[in-house]
């Protein structure tokens, strides 16, 4: 039931409502949907789940979070 509300924390560009002090929390927000998919629990439609997770990861990859040698 929470997934239907939690998806509203993500913008269309993949950015998520920031919470927590750590980038680990923020980067891992979409992991709830990944966990549901791995468990075979369709909390939201699979296509929407995939779109949400991939957009969230793409949004992070557009940020200046890497060192010059590609390390976070």
Protein backbone atom coordinates (compact mmCIF):
# COMPACT_ATOMS: atom_id res chain seq x y z
CA UNK A 1 0.00 0.00 0.00
CA UNK A 2 2.89 2.35 0.75
CA UNK A 3 4.35 1.99 -2.75
CA UNK A 4 1.40 3.80 -4.30
CA UNK A 5 2.10 6.79 -2.07
CA UNK A 6 5.89 6.48 -2.13
CA UNK A 7 6.07 6.80 -5.91
CA UNK A 8 4.81 10.37 -5.47
CA UNK A 9 8.17 11.18 -3.82
CA UNK A 10 9.80 10.93 -7.27
CA UNK A 11 9.63 13.64 -9.93
CA UNK A 12 9.28 12.89 -13.63
CA UNK A 13 13.03 13.47 -14.10
CA UNK A 14 13.83 10.83 -11.46
CA UNK A 15 14.76 13.22 -8.67
CA UNK A 16 13.38 12.14 -5.32
CA UNK A 17 12.22 14.05 -2.28
CA UNK A 18 15.42 14.37 -0.20
CA UNK A 19 15.43 12.83 3.23
CA UNK A 20 18.18 11.70 5.55
CA UNK A 21 21.63 13.21 5.88
CA UNK A 22 23.46 10.71 3.74
CA UNK A 23 23.65 10.30 -0.01
CA UNK A 24 23.32 6.59 0.69
CA UNK A 25 19.73 7.12 1.85
CA UNK A 26 18.96 9.34 -1.10
CA UNK A 27 20.64 7.12 -3.68
CA UNK A 28 18.91 4.03 -2.32
CA UNK A 29 15.38 5.41 -2.28
CA UNK A 30 14.35 3.46 -5.36
CA UNK A 31 15.66 0.22 -3.86
CA UNK A 32 12.26 -0.40 -2.27
CA UNK A 33 10.84 -0.89 -5.76
CA UNK A 34 13.79 -3.07 -6.79
CA UNK A 35 13.23 -5.24 -3.71
CA UNK A 36 9.55 -5.60 -4.53
CA UNK A 37 10.42 -6.62 -8.09
CA UNK A 38 12.96 -9.20 -6.91
CA UNK A 39 10.35 -10.62 -4.54
CA UNK A 40 7.82 -10.78 -7.38
CA UNK A 41 5.50 -8.40 -5.54
CA UNK A 42 3.89 -6.06 -8.07
CA UNK A 43 3.36 -3.12 -5.72
CA UNK A 44 2.94 -0.82 -8.72
CA UNK A 45 2.70 -1.89 -12.37
CA UNK A 46 5.99 -3.39 -13.57
CA UNK A 47 6.46 -0.83 -16.34
CA UNK A 48 5.99 2.03 -13.92
CA UNK A 49 8.36 0.37 -11.45
CA UNK A 50 11.07 0.02 -14.11
CA UNK A 51 10.57 3.59 -15.32
CA UNK A 52 10.80 4.97 -11.79
CA UNK A 53 13.96 3.05 -10.84
CA UNK A 54 15.79 3.79 -14.10
CA UNK A 55 14.90 7.49 -14.05
CA UNK A 56 16.07 7.74 -10.46
CA UNK A 57 19.42 6.12 -11.33
CA UNK A 58 19.80 8.31 -14.42
CA UNK A 59 19.12 11.40 -12.34
CA UNK A 60 21.95 10.43 -9.99
CA UNK A 61 24.32 9.71 -12.85
CA UNK A 62 23.75 13.26 -14.17
CA UNK A 63 25.02 14.69 -10.85
CA UNK A 64 28.67 15.61 -10.20
CA UNK A 65 29.18 12.71 -7.78
CA UNK A 66 32.19 11.05 -9.38
CA UNK A 67 35.88 11.75 -8.93
CA UNK A 68 37.97 12.28 -12.06
CA UNK A 69 38.75 8.55 -12.22
CA UNK A 70 35.07 7.56 -12.05
CA UNK A 71 34.94 6.64 -8.36
CA UNK A 72 32.03 7.88 -6.26
